[in-house]
N, C-alpha and C. Protein backbone atom coordinates (compact mmCIF):
# COMPACT_ATOMS: atom_id res chain seq x y z
N MET A 1 -45.56 -20.24 50.87
CA MET A 1 -44.64 -19.49 50.02
C MET A 1 -45.16 -18.95 48.50
N LYS A 2 -45.02 -17.67 48.33
CA LYS A 2 -45.38 -17.16 46.97
C LYS A 2 -44.24 -17.44 46.08
N GLY A 3 -44.49 -17.35 44.87
CA GLY A 3 -43.24 -17.44 43.81
C GLY A 3 -43.78 -17.16 42.36
N LYS A 4 -43.02 -17.08 41.37
CA LYS A 4 -43.22 -16.95 40.23
C LYS A 4 -42.54 -18.03 39.30
N VAL A 5 -43.31 -18.74 38.53
CA VAL A 5 -43.00 -19.70 37.47
C VAL A 5 -43.45 -19.55 36.10
N ASP A 6 -42.22 -19.25 35.13
CA ASP A 6 -42.74 -18.82 33.62
C ASP A 6 -43.56 -17.68 33.78
N GLY A 7 -43.28 -16.71 34.61
CA GLY A 7 -44.14 -15.54 34.45
C GLY A 7 -45.34 -15.22 35.06
N LYS A 8 -45.73 -16.45 35.36
CA LYS A 8 -47.09 -16.50 36.36
C LYS A 8 -46.81 -16.62 37.63
N TRP A 9 -47.57 -15.76 38.78
CA TRP A 9 -47.28 -15.99 40.03
C TRP A 9 -48.37 -16.92 40.75
N TYR A 10 -47.96 -17.66 41.59
CA TYR A 10 -48.50 -18.42 42.64
C TYR A 10 -48.37 -18.31 43.93
N ASP A 11 -49.73 -17.99 44.70
CA ASP A 11 -49.56 -17.88 45.84
C ASP A 11 -49.05 -19.07 46.87
N ASP A 12 -49.12 -20.29 46.42
CA ASP A 12 -48.48 -21.24 46.84
C ASP A 12 -47.65 -22.28 45.83
N MET A 13 -46.36 -22.10 46.20
CA MET A 13 -45.78 -22.69 45.06
C MET A 13 -45.79 -24.20 45.07
N SER A 14 -46.44 -24.87 45.67
CA SER A 14 -46.60 -26.29 45.52
C SER A 14 -47.57 -26.30 44.40
N GLN A 15 -48.36 -25.32 44.24
CA GLN A 15 -49.37 -25.50 42.95
C GLN A 15 -48.60 -25.13 41.68
N ALA A 16 -47.49 -24.66 41.58
CA ALA A 16 -46.89 -24.35 40.46
C ALA A 16 -46.32 -25.51 39.66
N PRO A 17 -46.48 -25.53 38.32
CA PRO A 17 -45.95 -26.54 37.56
C PRO A 17 -44.48 -26.68 37.71
N ASP A 18 -44.07 -28.35 37.48
CA ASP A 18 -42.72 -28.39 37.49
C ASP A 18 -42.31 -28.64 35.96
N LEU A 19 -41.49 -27.55 35.50
CA LEU A 19 -41.21 -27.59 34.17
C LEU A 19 -40.03 -28.16 33.85
N GLY A 20 -39.36 -28.77 34.88
CA GLY A 20 -37.88 -29.41 34.72
C GLY A 20 -37.11 -28.61 34.17
N SER A 21 -36.38 -28.80 32.89
CA SER A 21 -35.30 -27.93 32.46
C SER A 21 -35.70 -26.85 31.38
N ILE A 22 -37.11 -26.87 31.12
CA ILE A 22 -37.79 -25.87 30.25
C ILE A 22 -37.80 -24.44 30.96
N ARG A 23 -37.31 -23.61 30.16
CA ARG A 23 -37.02 -22.42 30.62
C ARG A 23 -37.62 -21.45 29.56
N CYS A 24 -38.20 -20.58 29.91
CA CYS A 24 -38.58 -19.45 28.84
C CYS A 24 -37.29 -18.36 28.55
N VAL A 25 -36.90 -18.21 27.48
CA VAL A 25 -35.61 -17.36 26.91
C VAL A 25 -35.96 -16.12 26.34
N ARG A 26 -37.14 -16.21 26.01
CA ARG A 26 -37.88 -14.68 25.38
C ARG A 26 -39.36 -14.90 25.13
N ASN A 27 -39.80 -13.79 25.36
CA ASN A 27 -41.32 -13.59 25.06
C ASN A 27 -41.86 -12.16 24.71
N GLU A 28 -42.69 -12.37 23.61
CA GLU A 28 -43.36 -11.61 23.00
C GLU A 28 -44.82 -11.48 23.51
N GLY A 29 -45.27 -11.12 24.21
CA GLY A 29 -46.53 -10.98 24.86
C GLY A 29 -46.78 -12.56 25.48
N MET A 30 -47.77 -13.17 24.85
CA MET A 30 -47.83 -14.50 25.26
C MET A 30 -47.33 -15.58 24.18
N ILE A 31 -46.60 -15.02 23.40
CA ILE A 31 -45.86 -15.67 22.44
C ILE A 31 -44.48 -15.92 23.20
N ARG A 32 -44.33 -17.27 23.42
CA ARG A 32 -42.97 -17.50 24.49
C ARG A 32 -42.19 -18.55 23.71
N HIS A 33 -40.67 -18.42 24.03
CA HIS A 33 -39.79 -19.33 23.24
C HIS A 33 -38.82 -19.77 24.52
N TYR A 34 -38.73 -21.07 24.52
CA TYR A 34 -38.30 -21.70 25.63
C TYR A 34 -36.87 -22.51 25.01
N HIS A 35 -36.20 -23.23 25.79
CA HIS A 35 -35.42 -24.19 25.65
C HIS A 35 -35.25 -25.18 26.85
N GLY A 36 -34.82 -26.18 26.73
CA GLY A 36 -34.83 -27.33 27.50
C GLY A 36 -34.12 -28.53 27.14
N LEU A 37 -34.41 -29.71 27.47
CA LEU A 37 -33.88 -31.00 27.43
C LEU A 37 -34.94 -31.85 26.83
N SER A 38 -34.62 -32.71 25.83
CA SER A 38 -35.55 -33.67 25.32
C SER A 38 -36.19 -34.52 26.44
N GLU A 39 -35.39 -34.86 27.39
CA GLU A 39 -36.24 -35.61 28.46
C GLU A 39 -37.39 -34.89 29.04
N ASP A 40 -37.42 -33.53 28.86
CA ASP A 40 -38.61 -32.84 29.64
C ASP A 40 -39.55 -32.44 28.68
N LYS A 41 -39.66 -33.01 27.31
CA LYS A 41 -40.50 -32.58 26.47
C LYS A 41 -41.90 -32.57 26.88
N THR A 42 -42.40 -33.68 27.57
CA THR A 42 -43.72 -34.07 28.02
C THR A 42 -44.31 -33.05 28.87
N LYS A 43 -43.22 -31.87 29.53
CA LYS A 43 -43.54 -30.98 30.52
C LYS A 43 -44.01 -29.89 29.70
N LEU A 44 -43.82 -29.84 28.56
CA LEU A 44 -44.58 -28.90 27.36
C LEU A 44 -45.90 -28.96 27.61
N LEU A 45 -46.54 -29.91 27.84
CA LEU A 45 -48.09 -30.20 28.14
C LEU A 45 -48.77 -29.38 29.12
N LEU A 46 -47.72 -28.83 29.90
CA LEU A 46 -48.29 -28.11 31.04
C LEU A 46 -48.43 -26.56 30.89
N ILE A 47 -47.79 -26.47 29.70
CA ILE A 47 -47.65 -25.17 29.03
C ILE A 47 -48.83 -24.78 28.03
N ASP A 48 -49.99 -24.73 28.50
CA ASP A 48 -50.96 -24.63 27.50
C ASP A 48 -51.69 -23.09 27.46
N TYR A 49 -50.88 -21.97 28.27
CA TYR A 49 -51.54 -20.73 28.40
C TYR A 49 -50.91 -19.94 27.34
N VAL A 50 -49.94 -20.43 26.41
CA VAL A 50 -49.14 -19.58 25.43
C VAL A 50 -49.90 -19.28 24.15
N GLU A 51 -49.49 -18.65 23.41
CA GLU A 51 -50.44 -18.31 21.77
C GLU A 51 -49.21 -19.23 20.84
N THR A 52 -50.18 -19.32 19.85
CA THR A 52 -49.70 -20.04 18.39
C THR A 52 -48.52 -19.17 18.13
N GLY A 53 -47.59 -19.97 17.85
CA GLY A 53 -45.94 -19.43 17.54
C GLY A 53 -45.02 -19.61 18.66
N SER A 54 -45.52 -19.77 19.83
CA SER A 54 -44.57 -20.18 20.70
C SER A 54 -43.82 -21.57 20.30
N SER A 55 -42.46 -21.53 20.91
CA SER A 55 -41.60 -22.67 20.44
C SER A 55 -40.68 -23.05 21.69
N CYS A 56 -40.10 -24.45 21.37
CA CYS A 56 -39.39 -24.83 22.48
C CYS A 56 -38.07 -25.63 21.74
N PHE A 57 -37.06 -25.22 21.88
CA PHE A 57 -35.68 -25.67 21.22
C PHE A 57 -35.14 -26.56 22.25
N MET A 58 -34.93 -27.68 21.83
CA MET A 58 -34.31 -28.97 22.69
C MET A 58 -32.93 -28.82 22.40
N ASP A 59 -32.01 -28.23 23.57
CA ASP A 59 -30.86 -28.27 23.34
C ASP A 59 -29.79 -29.44 23.29
N ASP A 60 -30.27 -30.78 23.53
CA ASP A 60 -29.42 -31.74 23.50
C ASP A 60 -29.84 -32.61 22.13
N THR A 61 -30.91 -32.22 21.59
CA THR A 61 -31.12 -33.04 19.98
C THR A 61 -31.45 -32.16 18.93
N GLY A 62 -31.51 -30.84 19.23
CA GLY A 62 -31.56 -29.90 18.10
C GLY A 62 -33.24 -29.89 17.85
N ASP A 63 -34.11 -30.64 18.25
CA ASP A 63 -35.56 -30.61 17.99
C ASP A 63 -36.16 -29.27 18.38
N ILE A 64 -37.09 -29.11 17.42
CA ILE A 64 -38.03 -27.65 17.97
C ILE A 64 -39.30 -28.18 17.92
N TYR A 65 -40.00 -27.49 19.03
CA TYR A 65 -41.50 -27.99 18.98
C TYR A 65 -42.05 -26.41 18.90
N PHE A 66 -43.20 -26.38 18.33
CA PHE A 66 -44.21 -25.18 18.38
C PHE A 66 -45.50 -25.50 19.01
N PHE A 67 -46.10 -24.49 19.25
CA PHE A 67 -47.46 -24.63 19.98
C PHE A 67 -48.61 -24.03 18.95
N ASN A 68 -49.63 -24.96 18.93
CA ASN A 68 -50.93 -24.35 18.00
C ASN A 68 -51.92 -24.20 18.97
N LYS A 69 -52.36 -23.06 19.34
CA LYS A 69 -53.50 -22.70 20.22
C LYS A 69 -54.69 -23.26 19.85
N LYS A 70 -55.20 -23.33 18.55
CA LYS A 70 -56.13 -24.13 18.22
C LYS A 70 -56.55 -25.37 18.51
N SER A 71 -55.32 -26.09 18.30
CA SER A 71 -55.38 -27.65 18.52
C SER A 71 -55.09 -27.88 19.99
N GLY A 72 -54.14 -26.85 20.51
CA GLY A 72 -53.76 -27.15 21.99
C GLY A 72 -52.47 -27.94 22.09
N ASN A 73 -51.94 -28.25 20.80
CA ASN A 73 -50.89 -29.32 20.71
C ASN A 73 -49.44 -28.55 20.75
N TRP A 74 -48.31 -29.18 21.14
CA TRP A 74 -46.99 -28.95 20.88
C TRP A 74 -46.71 -29.94 19.57
N TYR A 75 -45.99 -29.48 18.65
CA TYR A 75 -45.61 -30.32 17.62
C TYR A 75 -44.32 -29.96 16.92
N ASP A 76 -43.73 -31.03 16.33
CA ASP A 76 -42.40 -30.97 15.67
C ASP A 76 -42.77 -31.11 14.38
N PRO A 77 -42.57 -30.07 13.45
CA PRO A 77 -43.20 -30.03 11.97
C PRO A 77 -42.15 -30.87 11.25
N VAL A 78 -41.18 -30.96 11.72
CA VAL A 78 -40.13 -31.91 10.72
C VAL A 78 -40.24 -33.63 11.08
N LYS A 79 -40.34 -33.93 12.36
CA LYS A 79 -40.57 -35.15 12.49
C LYS A 79 -42.21 -35.39 12.43
N GLN A 80 -42.98 -34.54 12.25
CA GLN A 80 -44.68 -34.64 12.13
C GLN A 80 -44.95 -35.25 13.43
N GLU A 81 -44.44 -34.94 14.68
CA GLU A 81 -44.80 -35.64 15.82
C GLU A 81 -45.43 -34.57 16.84
N VAL A 82 -46.63 -34.95 17.48
CA VAL A 82 -47.22 -34.04 18.44
C VAL A 82 -46.78 -34.71 19.68
N VAL A 83 -46.41 -33.76 20.75
CA VAL A 83 -46.01 -34.36 21.96
C VAL A 83 -47.29 -34.85 22.76
N THR A 84 -47.16 -36.02 23.12
CA THR A 84 -48.21 -36.65 24.06
C THR A 84 -47.59 -36.92 25.56
N ASP A 85 -48.50 -37.59 26.58
CA ASP A 85 -48.12 -37.86 27.72
C ASP A 85 -47.16 -39.20 27.41
N GLY A 86 -47.34 -39.99 26.47
CA GLY A 86 -46.42 -41.07 26.20
C GLY A 86 -45.32 -40.95 25.35
N ALA A 87 -44.79 -39.49 24.95
CA ALA A 87 -44.02 -39.23 24.00
C ALA A 87 -42.49 -39.50 24.57
């Protein structure tokens, strides 16, 4: 079954990433802005195809994470925290 997740088409939806509550709310080309719940912040690691300046606002905590294309990391500049698998 074909389908679209986060603006990308998949011929087989079983190959599409599970982004949980993370949803794109605005995009400017490959700079994308997301909203989601903090319990799904590690799912940001699946979103590595966006450009520097992309962001994700966590609706339940108010935390905001930004993507840096050069490092490939999502980070919270206030907490100085990088999202990792164990985050």
